C-alpha atoms as a PDB file:
ATOM      1  CA  MET A   1     -28.379   9.225  31.738  1.00  0.00           C
ATOM      2  CA  ALA A   2     -28.422   9.690  27.987  1.00  0.00           C
ATOM      3  CA  GLY A   3     -30.225  13.005  26.776  1.00  0.00           C
ATOM      4  CA  VAL A   4     -31.274  14.252  23.338  1.00  0.00           C
ATOM      5  CA  VAL A   5     -28.365  14.921  21.013  1.00  0.00           C
ATOM      6  CA  SER A   6     -29.284  17.360  18.276  1.00  0.00           C
ATOM      7  CA  ILE A   7     -28.309  16.969  14.750  1.00  0.00           C
ATOM      8  CA  ASP A   8     -25.491  19.707  14.932  1.00  0.00           C
ATOM      9  CA  ARG A   9     -24.273  18.230  18.192  1.00  0.00           C
ATOM     10  CA  PHE A  10     -24.092  14.865  16.684  1.00  0.00           C
ATOM     11  CA  LYS A  11     -22.234  16.032  13.468  1.00  0.00           C
ATOM     12  CA  SER A  12     -19.494  17.846  15.810  1.00  0.00           C
ATOM     13  CA  LEU A  13     -19.139  14.587  17.621  1.00  0.00           C
ATOM     14  CA  LEU A  14     -18.739  12.493  14.476  1.00  0.00           C
ATOM     15  CA  GLY A  15     -16.358  14.964  13.015  1.00  0.00           C
ATOM     16  CA  ARG A  16     -14.832  13.755   9.600  1.00  0.00           C
ATOM     17  CA  PRO A  17     -15.545  10.405   8.620  1.00  0.00           C
ATOM     18  CA  SER A  18     -12.707   8.787   6.361  1.00  0.00           C
ATOM     19  CA  LEU A  19     -13.664   7.743   3.138  1.00  0.00           C
ATOM     20  CA  THR A  20     -13.041   4.301   1.611  1.00  0.00           C
ATOM     21  CA  SER A  21     -12.192   5.751  -1.983  1.00  0.00           C
ATOM     22  CA  GLN A  22      -9.140   7.450  -1.022  1.00  0.00           C
ATOM     23  CA  TYR A  23      -6.271   5.024  -0.935  1.00  0.00           C
ATOM     24  CA  TYR A  24      -3.084   4.326  -3.297  1.00  0.00           C
ATOM     25  CA  LEU A  25      -1.554   1.207  -4.002  1.00  0.00           C
ATOM     26  CA  GLU A  26       2.663   0.986  -4.731  1.00  0.00           C
ATOM     27  CA  LEU A  27       3.448  -2.310  -6.085  1.00  0.00           C
ATOM     28  CA  SER A  28       7.151  -3.221  -5.658  1.00  0.00           C
ATOM     29  CA  LEU A  29       9.698  -5.532  -7.490  1.00  0.00           C
ATOM     30  CA  PRO A  30      11.353  -8.603  -6.171  1.00  0.00           C
ATOM     31  CA  GLN A  31      14.901  -7.603  -5.460  1.00  0.00           C
ATOM     32  CA  THR A  32      18.170  -9.768  -5.231  1.00  0.00           C
ATOM     33  CA  GLU A  33      20.825  -8.183  -3.228  1.00  0.00           C
ATOM     34  CA  GLY A  34      19.348  -4.829  -3.709  1.00  0.00           C
ATOM     35  CA  SER A  35      18.708  -5.166  -7.309  1.00  0.00           C
ATOM     36  CA  ASP A  36      15.616  -5.949  -9.363  1.00  0.00           C
ATOM     37  CA  ALA A  37      17.578  -6.899 -12.629  1.00  0.00           C
ATOM     38  CA  GLY A  38      17.056 -10.598 -12.125  1.00  0.00           C
ATOM     39  CA  PHE A  39      13.494 -10.229 -12.049  1.00  0.00           C
ATOM     40  CA  LYS A  40      13.174  -7.394 -14.903  1.00  0.00           C
ATOM     41  CA  SER A  41      15.304  -9.854 -17.041  1.00  0.00           C
ATOM     42  CA  ALA A  42      12.738 -12.929 -16.420  1.00  0.00           C
ATOM     43  CA  LEU A  43      10.104 -10.412 -17.560  1.00  0.00           C
ATOM     44  CA  SER A  44      12.064  -9.635 -20.718  1.00  0.00           C
ATOM     45  CA  LYS A  45      12.174 -13.359 -21.291  1.00  0.00           C
ATOM     46  CA  LYS A  46       8.280 -13.509 -21.286  1.00  0.00           C
ATOM     47  CA  GLY A  47       7.961 -10.235 -23.789  1.00  0.00           C
ATOM     48  CA  ILE A  48       7.376  -7.884 -21.210  1.00  0.00           C
ATOM     49  CA  GLU A  49       9.376  -4.578 -20.892  1.00  0.00           C
ATOM     50  CA  LEU A  50       8.561  -2.961 -18.036  1.00  0.00           C
ATOM     51  CA  SER A  51       8.910   0.356 -17.833  1.00  0.00           C
ATOM     52  CA  SER A  52       8.540   2.995 -15.020  1.00  0.00           C
ATOM     53  CA  GLY A  53       5.602   4.172 -16.348  1.00  0.00           C
ATOM     54  CA  ASP A  54       3.866   0.573 -16.752  1.00  0.00           C
ATOM     55  CA  GLN A  55       4.789   0.563 -12.696  1.00  0.00           C
ATOM     56  CA  GLU A  56       2.897   3.582 -12.361  1.00  0.00           C
ATOM     57  CA  ASN A  57       0.015   2.022 -14.331  1.00  0.00           C
ATOM     58  CA  LEU A  58      -0.171  -0.942 -12.354  1.00  0.00           C
ATOM     59  CA  ASN A  59      -0.525   1.008  -9.359  1.00  0.00           C
ATOM     60  CA  LEU A  60      -3.228   3.253 -10.666  1.00  0.00           C
ATOM     61  CA  TYR A  61      -5.121   0.051 -12.102  1.00  0.00           C
ATOM     62  CA  CYS A  62      -5.917  -1.103  -8.489  1.00  0.00           C
ATOM     63  CA  THR A  63      -9.737  -0.484  -7.727  1.00  0.00           C
ATOM     64  CA  GLU A  64     -10.243  -2.570  -4.871  1.00  0.00           C
ATOM     65  CA  ALA A  65      -7.815  -3.280  -1.903  1.00  0.00           C
ATOM     66  CA  SER A  66      -7.987  -4.044   1.815  1.00  0.00           C
ATOM     67  CA  LEU A  67      -6.412  -2.638   4.950  1.00  0.00           C
ATOM     68  CA  PRO A  68      -4.771  -5.447   6.674  1.00  0.00           C
ATOM     69  CA  GLY A  69      -5.341  -6.783  10.259  1.00  0.00           C
ATOM     70  CA  SER A  70      -3.888  -8.964  12.839  1.00  0.00           C
ATOM     71  CA  SER A  71      -5.090 -10.889  15.971  1.00  0.00           C
ATOM     72  CA  ILE A  72      -3.691 -11.940  19.323  1.00  0.00           C
ATOM     73  CA  ALA A  73      -3.179 -15.860  19.586  1.00  0.00           C
ATOM     74  CA  THR A  74      -3.922 -16.820  23.285  1.00  0.00           C
ATOM     75  CA  LEU A  75      -3.233 -20.084  25.518  1.00  0.00           C
ATOM     76  CA  GLU A  76      -5.952 -21.215  27.814  1.00  0.00           C
ATOM     77  CA  GLN A  77      -4.954 -21.858  31.650  1.00  0.00           C
ATOM     78  CA  THR A  78      -8.089 -23.722  33.214  1.00  0.00           C
ATOM     79  CA  SER A  79      -6.849 -25.416  36.296  1.00  0.00           C
ATOM     80  CA  ASP A  80      -4.728 -22.905  38.097  1.00  0.00           C
ATOM     81  CA  ARG A  81      -7.591 -21.402  39.784  1.00  0.00           C
ATOM     82  CA  THR A  82     -11.187 -23.227  40.524  1.00  0.00           C
ATOM     83  CA  GLY A  83     -13.797 -22.342  38.035  1.00  0.00           C
ATOM     84  CA  VAL A  84     -11.576 -19.824  36.601  1.00  0.00           C
ATOM     85  CA  THR A  85     -10.562 -19.875  32.853  1.00  0.00           C
ATOM     86  CA  GLU A  86      -7.576 -17.378  31.979  1.00  0.00           C
ATOM     87  CA  ARG A  87      -6.049 -16.582  28.428  1.00  0.00           C
ATOM     88  CA  HIS A  88      -2.451 -15.629  28.084  1.00  0.00           C
ATOM     89  CA  ALA A  89      -1.654 -13.656  24.815  1.00  0.00           C
ATOM     90  CA  HIS A  90       1.643 -15.407  23.437  1.00  0.00           C
ATOM     91  CA  ARG A  91       1.807 -14.104  19.705  1.00  0.00           C
ATOM     92  CA  ARG A  92       0.414 -11.657  17.251  1.00  0.00           C
ATOM     93  CA  VAL A  93      -0.786 -13.362  14.067  1.00  0.00           C
ATOM     94  CA  PHE A  94      -1.061 -11.265  11.074  1.00  0.00           C
ATOM     95  CA  ASP A  95      -3.639 -12.090   8.160  1.00  0.00           C
ATOM     96  CA  ASP A  96      -1.839 -14.659   5.891  1.00  0.00           C
ATOM     97  CA  ARG A  97      -3.387 -12.670   2.845  1.00  0.00           C
ATOM     98  CA  ILE A  98      -4.559  -9.741   1.213  1.00  0.00           C
ATOM     99  CA  ASP A  99      -6.779  -9.273  -1.956  1.00  0.00           C
ATOM    100  CA  PHE A 100      -6.182  -6.923  -4.875  1.00  0.00           C
ATOM    101  CA  THR A 101      -8.238  -6.000  -8.044  1.00  0.00           C
ATOM    102  CA  PHE A 102      -7.048  -4.423 -11.077  1.00  0.00           C
ATOM    103  CA  TYR A 103      -8.770  -2.858 -14.021  1.00  0.00           C
ATOM    104  CA  VAL A 104      -7.102  -4.766 -16.879  1.00  0.00           C
ATOM    105  CA  ASP A 105      -5.758  -2.606 -19.899  1.00  0.00           C
ATOM    106  CA  ALA A 106      -6.695  -3.481 -23.351  1.00  0.00           C
ATOM    107  CA  GLU A 107      -3.469  -2.374 -25.047  1.00  0.00           C
ATOM    108  CA  LYS A 108      -0.849  -4.836 -23.025  1.00  0.00           C
ATOM    109  CA  TYR A 109      -3.234  -6.743 -20.495  1.00  0.00           C
ATOM    110  CA  LEU A 110      -0.372  -5.562 -18.274  1.00  0.00           C
ATOM    111  CA  VAL A 111      -1.820  -6.734 -15.252  1.00  0.00           C
ATOM    112  CA  ILE A 112      -2.373 -10.292 -16.094  1.00  0.00           C
ATOM    113  CA  ASN A 113       0.797 -10.628 -17.986  1.00  0.00           C
ATOM    114  CA  PHE A 114       2.869  -9.150 -15.024  1.00  0.00           C
ATOM    115  CA  PHE A 115       1.224 -11.269 -12.246  1.00  0.00           C
ATOM    116  CA  GLU A 116       1.560 -14.621 -14.472  1.00  0.00           C
ATOM    117  CA  ALA A 117       5.431 -13.697 -15.054  1.00  0.00           C
ATOM    118  CA  TRP A 118       5.794 -13.245 -11.137  1.00  0.00           C
ATOM    119  CA  ILE A 119       4.525 -16.495 -10.287  1.00  0.00           C
ATOM    120  CA  ASP A 120       6.527 -18.097 -13.413  1.00  0.00           C
ATOM    121  CA  TYR A 121       9.444 -16.540 -11.813  1.00  0.00           C
ATOM    122  CA  ILE A 122       8.543 -17.903  -8.199  1.00  0.00           C
ATOM    123  CA  THR A 123       8.270 -21.573  -9.857  1.00  0.00           C
ATOM    124  CA  GLY A 124      11.718 -21.163 -11.347  1.00  0.00           C
ATOM    125  CA  ASP A 125      10.449 -20.985 -14.796  1.00  0.00           C
ATOM    126  CA  SER A 126      12.375 -18.378 -16.937  1.00  0.00           C
ATOM    127  CA  SER A 127      12.103 -19.973 -20.101  1.00  0.00           C
ATOM    128  CA  PRO A 128       9.867 -18.572 -23.042  1.00  0.00           C
ATOM    129  CA  THR A 129       6.285 -19.500 -23.002  1.00  0.00           C
ATOM    130  CA  ALA A 130       6.573 -21.692 -25.977  1.00  0.00           C
ATOM    131  CA  GLY A 131       8.559 -23.975 -23.836  1.00  0.00           C
ATOM    132  CA  GLN A 132       5.833 -24.812 -21.157  1.00  0.00           C
ATOM    133  CA  ASP A 133       3.996 -26.689 -24.097  1.00  0.00           C
ATOM    134  CA  ALA A 134       7.080 -29.303 -24.366  1.00  0.00           C
ATOM    135  CA  ASP A 135       6.397 -32.758 -22.567  1.00  0.00           C
ATOM    136  CA  THR A 136       9.668 -32.403 -20.649  1.00  0.00           C
ATOM    137  CA  TYR A 137       8.748 -29.399 -19.038  1.00  0.00           C
ATOM    138  CA  PHE A 138       9.746 -28.838 -15.363  1.00  0.00           C
ATOM    139  CA  TYR A 139      10.256 -26.090 -13.058  1.00  0.00           C
ATOM    140  CA  ARG A 140      12.484 -25.830  -9.914  1.00  0.00           C
ATOM    141  CA  MET A 141      11.155 -23.286  -7.078  1.00  0.00           C
ATOM    142  CA  ASN A 142      13.261 -20.364  -6.414  1.00  0.00           C
ATOM    143  CA  TYR A 143      14.486 -19.395  -3.143  1.00  0.00           C
ATOM    144  CA  SER A 144      12.331 -16.959  -1.232  1.00  0.00           C
ATOM    145  CA  ASP A 145      14.700 -14.231  -0.959  1.00  0.00           C
ATOM    146  CA  GLU A 146      14.661 -13.712  -4.845  1.00  0.00           C
ATOM    147  CA  TYR A 147      10.938 -13.513  -5.435  1.00  0.00           C
ATOM    148  CA  THR A 148       9.767 -11.794  -2.203  1.00  0.00           C
ATOM    149  CA  CYS A 149       9.636  -7.607  -2.100  1.00  0.00           C
ATOM    150  CA  SER A 150       9.696  -5.486   1.037  1.00  0.00           C
ATOM    151  CA  GLY A 151       8.470  -2.567  -0.567  1.00  0.00           C
ATOM    152  CA  MET A 152       4.641  -2.949  -1.086  1.00  0.00           C
ATOM    153  CA  ARG A 153       2.446  -0.234   0.456  1.00  0.00           C
ATOM    154  CA  ILE A 154      -0.750   1.008   0.697  1.00  0.00           C
ATOM    155  CA  THR A 155      -1.236   4.393   1.801  1.00  0.00           C
ATOM    156  CA  LYS A 156      -4.723   5.815   3.201  1.00  0.00           C
ATOM    157  CA  PHE A 157      -5.563   9.178   2.872  1.00  0.00           C
ATOM    158  CA  GLU A 158      -7.910  11.892   2.438  1.00  0.00           C
ATOM    159  CA  ARG A 159      -8.816  14.564   0.092  1.00  0.00           C
ATOM    160  CA  ASP A 160      -7.304  17.262   2.334  1.00  0.00           C
ATOM    161  CA  SER A 161      -4.450  15.289   3.850  1.00  0.00           C
ATOM    162  CA  ALA A 162      -1.906  17.640   2.486  1.00  0.00           C
ATOM    163  CA  THR A 163      -3.211  20.297   4.473  1.00  0.00           C
ATOM    164  CA  ARG A 164      -5.171  19.364   7.561  1.00  0.00           C
ATOM    165  CA  GLY A 165      -5.420  15.376   7.639  1.00  0.00           C
ATOM    166  CA  SER A 166      -3.215  12.635   8.023  1.00  0.00           C
ATOM    167  CA  ARG A 167      -2.524   9.644   6.443  1.00  0.00           C
ATOM    168  CA  LEU A 168      -1.587   5.918   7.056  1.00  0.00           C
ATOM    169  CA  THR A 169       0.948   3.946   5.310  1.00  0.00           C
ATOM    170  CA  TYR A 170       0.852   0.206   5.629  1.00  0.00           C
ATOM    171  CA  ASN A 171       4.578  -1.330   4.761  1.00  0.00           C
ATOM    172  CA  PHE A 172       4.392  -5.130   3.689  1.00  0.00           C
ATOM    173  CA  VAL A 173       7.459  -7.390   4.551  1.00  0.00           C
ATOM    174  CA  ARG A 174       8.463  -9.918   2.075  1.00  0.00           C
ATOM    175  CA  ALA A 175       5.282  -9.991  -0.139  1.00  0.00           C
ATOM    176  CA  PHE A 176       4.792 -12.178  -3.178  1.00  0.00           C
ATOM    177  CA  PRO A 177       1.637 -13.290  -5.234  1.00  0.00           C
ATOM    178  CA  ILE A 178       0.309 -16.749  -4.667  1.00  0.00           C
ATOM    179  CA  SER A 179      -2.876 -16.775  -6.547  1.00  0.00           C
ATOM    180  CA  ILE A 180      -4.656 -15.016  -9.654  1.00  0.00           C
ATOM    181  CA  ASN A 181      -8.535 -15.766  -9.523  1.00  0.00           C
ATOM    182  CA  SER A 182     -10.164 -16.882 -12.729  1.00  0.00           C
ATOM    183  CA  MET A 183     -11.913 -14.029 -14.783  1.00  0.00           C
ATOM    184  CA  PRO A 184     -15.361 -15.076 -16.417  1.00  0.00           C
ATOM    185  CA  VAL A 185     -15.736 -13.667 -19.865  1.00  0.00           C
ATOM    186  CA  SER A 186     -19.250 -13.687 -21.456  1.00  0.00           C
ATOM    187  CA  TYR A 187     -21.250 -12.712 -24.780  1.00  0.00           C
ATOM    188  CA  ASP A 188     -23.428 -10.858 -22.417  1.00  0.00           C
ATOM    189  CA  SER A 189     -23.455  -7.034 -22.214  1.00  0.00           C
ATOM    190  CA  SER A 190     -19.711  -6.058 -21.833  1.00  0.00           C
ATOM    191  CA  GLN A 191     -18.097  -4.830 -18.505  1.00  0.00           C
ATOM    192  CA  LEU A 192     -15.016  -3.951 -17.244  1.00  0.00           C
ATOM    193  CA  LEU A 193     -12.496  -6.866 -17.069  1.00  0.00           C
ATOM    194  CA  LYS A 194     -10.837  -7.223 -13.674  1.00  0.00           C
ATOM    195  CA  CYS A 195      -8.200  -9.214 -12.344  1.00  0.00           C
ATOM    196  CA  THR A 196      -8.041 -10.040  -8.691  1.00  0.00           C
ATOM    197  CA  VAL A 197      -4.653 -11.115  -7.336  1.00  0.00           C
ATOM    198  CA  SER A 198      -3.804 -12.504  -3.633  1.00  0.00           C
ATOM    199  CA  MET A 199      -0.735 -11.879  -2.073  1.00  0.00           C
ATOM    200  CA  THR A 200       0.638 -12.972   1.207  1.00  0.00           C
ATOM    201  CA  TYR A 201       3.387 -11.431   3.565  1.00  0.00           C
ATOM    202  CA  ILE A 202       4.994 -12.315   6.827  1.00  0.00           C
ATOM    203  CA  ARG A 203       3.865  -9.173   8.607  1.00  0.00           C
ATOM    204  CA  TYR A 204       3.065  -5.350   8.204  1.00  0.00           C
ATOM    205  CA  THR A 205       4.060  -2.094   9.742  1.00  0.00           C
ATOM    206  CA  ILE A 206       1.969   1.140   9.927  1.00  0.00           C
ATOM    207  CA  ILE A 207       3.404   4.324   9.698  1.00  0.00           C
ATOM    208  CA  PRO A 208       1.265   7.409  10.549  1.00  0.00           C
ATOM    209  CA  THR A 209       2.139  10.896   8.931  1.00  0.00           C
ATOM    210  CA  ARG A 210       0.764  13.871  10.089  1.00  0.00           C
ATOM    211  CA  ALA A 211       0.085  16.736   7.704  1.00  0.00           C
ATOM    212  CA  ALA A 212       2.232  19.758   7.552  1.00  0.00           C
ATOM    213  CA  THR A 213       0.586  22.801   9.618  1.00  0.00           C
ATOM    214  CA  PRO A 214      -0.276  25.659   7.142  1.00  0.00           C
ATOM    215  CA  PRO A 215       1.582  28.737   7.560  1.00  0.00           C
ATOM    216  CA  ALA A 216      -0.150  31.287   9.459  1.00  0.00           C
ATOM    217  CA  LYS A 217      -1.546  34.024   7.367  1.00  0.00           C
ATOM    218  CA  ASP A 218       0.180  37.452   7.151  1.00  0.00           C
ATOM    219  CA  THR A 219      -3.076  39.564   8.000  1.00  0.00           C
ATOM    220  CA  PRO A 220      -2.324  43.268   7.064  1.00  0.00           C
ATOM    221  CA  GLN A 221      -2.870  45.509   9.968  1.00  0.00           C
ATOM    222  CA  PRO A 222      -5.047  49.014   9.352  1.00  0.00           C
ATOM    223  CA  GLN A 223      -2.532  52.022   8.764  1.00  0.00           C
ATOM    224  CA  ILE A 224      -3.120  55.409  10.129  1.00  0.00           C
ATOM    225  CA  PRO A 225      -3.286  58.020   7.044  1.00  0.00           C
ATOM    226  CA  THR A 226       0.034  59.689   6.390  1.00  0.00           C
ATOM    227  CA  ASP A 227      -1.587  62.971   6.955  1.00  0.00           C
ATOM    228  CA  PHE A 228      -3.434  62.434  10.115  1.00  0.00           C
ATOM    229  CA  PHE A 229      -1.255  64.280  12.233  1.00  0.00           C
ATOM    230  CA  ASP A 230      -0.531  66.991   9.443  1.00  0.00           C
ATOM    231  CA  PRO A 231      -1.522  70.291  11.631  1.00  0.00           C
ATOM    232  CA  ASN A 232      -2.088  71.867   7.960  1.00  0.00           C
ATOM    233  CA  ALA A 233      -4.591  69.099   6.829  1.00  0.00           C
ATOM    234  CA  ASN A 234      -8.226  70.234   6.175  1.00  0.00           C
ATOM    235  CA  PHE A 235     -10.311  67.824   7.558  1.00  0.00           C
ATOM    236  CA  SER A 236     -14.194  68.655   7.122  1.00  0.00           C
ATOM    237  CA  PHE A 237     -16.574  67.078   9.456  1.00  0.00           C
ATOM    238  CA  SER A 238     -19.993  67.606  10.075  1.00  0.00           C
ATOM    239  CA  THR A 239     -20.517  68.395  13.776  1.00  0.00           C
ATOM    240  CA  GLN A 240     -24.258  67.580  13.732  1.00  0.00           C
ATOM    241  CA  GLN A 241     -23.478  64.029  12.007  1.00  0.00           C
ATOM    242  CA  ILE A 242     -20.476  63.687  14.906  1.00  0.00           C
ATOM    243  CA  LYS A 243     -23.806  64.227  17.610  1.00  0.00           C
ATOM    244  CA  SER A 244     -26.128  61.715  15.660  1.00  0.00           C
ATOM    245  CA  ASN A 245     -23.539  58.973  15.601  1.00  0.00           C
ATOM    246  CA  LEU A 246     -22.617  59.152  18.979  1.00  0.00           C
ATOM    247  CA  ASN A 247     -26.112  59.347  20.421  1.00  0.00           C
ATOM    248  CA  GLU A 248     -26.992  56.331  18.180  1.00  0.00           C
ATOM    249  CA  ASN A 249     -24.136  54.204  18.945  1.00  0.00           C
ATOM    250  CA  LEU A 250     -21.997  55.096  22.131  1.00  0.00           C
ATOM    251  CA  PHE A 251     -24.932  55.548  24.483  1.00  0.00           C
ATOM    252  CA  ARG A 252     -26.681  52.981  26.489  1.00  0.00           C
ATOM    253  CA  PRO A 253     -30.119  53.549  27.581  1.00  0.00           C
ATOM    254  CA  GLY A 254     -30.350  55.749  30.685  1.00  0.00           C
ATOM    255  CA  HIS A 255     -28.313  58.712  29.021  1.00  0.00           C
ATOM    256  CA  THR A 256     -29.970  61.948  28.126  1.00  0.00           C
ATOM    257  CA  GLY A 257     -27.765  61.763  24.592  1.00  0.00           C
ATOM    258  CA  PHE A 258     -25.154  64.146  23.629  1.00  0.00           C
ATOM    259  CA  THR A 259     -25.893  66.830  26.262  1.00  0.00           C
ATOM    260  CA  ASP A 260     -25.110  64.600  29.002  1.00  0.00           C
ATOM    261  CA  PHE A 261     -21.913  63.311  27.559  1.00  0.00           C
ATOM    262  CA  ASN A 262     -20.609  67.071  27.321  1.00  0.00           C
ATOM    263  CA  THR A 263     -21.776  67.808  30.760  1.00  0.00           C
ATOM    264  CA  ASN A 264     -19.834  64.566  32.112  1.00  0.00           C
ATOM    265  CA  LEU A 265     -16.889  64.967  30.499  1.00  0.00           C
ATOM    266  CA  GLY A 266     -16.533  68.552  30.403  1.00  0.00           C
ATOM    267  CA  ILE A 267     -16.094  68.679  26.497  1.00  0.00           C
ATOM    268  CA  ASP A 268     -18.025  71.573  24.652  1.00  0.00           C
ATOM    269  CA  LEU A 269     -18.361  70.354  20.957  1.00  0.00           C
ATOM    270  CA  SER A 270     -20.961  73.277  20.091  1.00  0.00           C
ATOM    271  CA  ILE A 271     -20.444  75.442  17.129  1.00  0.00           C
END
């Protein structure tokens, strides 16, 4: 039977809830035969020179993300047993897309230009932007090995994950963008411009990471004074103070005090 749970008990059972604001996105570039030179060359033709700092900025601009999920596909058996419907698992189904929302910088419009160039790369368009205005413009889709990436990650962590908590790293296999949402602008009060990109993938894996156990603290032990055993050392103790401390701190109720202590132990501390 459930009883009354105190607030302190509830807090101890709840533990440390995880916070949604502690995560980090790591975007990866498409690679062909282990090299991203082809994709960077396509970006360069679009006027985008992607540096390592730009890649880090893309990761930091991500303001909203989702941790992916999956489900189990089942088959129904309705005629094996009378009145019983059975379900048997036959496949694991991963979510078909994941959405990321990025802040758009005012200097380069890096997020918009980057994902637009990636989609152009998927469709086989490597010509300069001006060529898309021609009446004879066409494109031919690239093969999936050329435009997918397998190094995109989302890491969920906590503020103290480095010392006491854990981390979860979601690694996405063969991911690529499939849509860029429209971004409304207006003459009303200004707001931050955000770009939402939907990406798809074939599956994800989870890599749990435990925090390293912090080293034990080396607590110094109390040291005996060097002159404690020196017979020539001059220690000045007050006998009356010793009796007072013993009577107040060492004797339980029922003892008669320092006199009883002397009698039972056969110790004479009188002057």
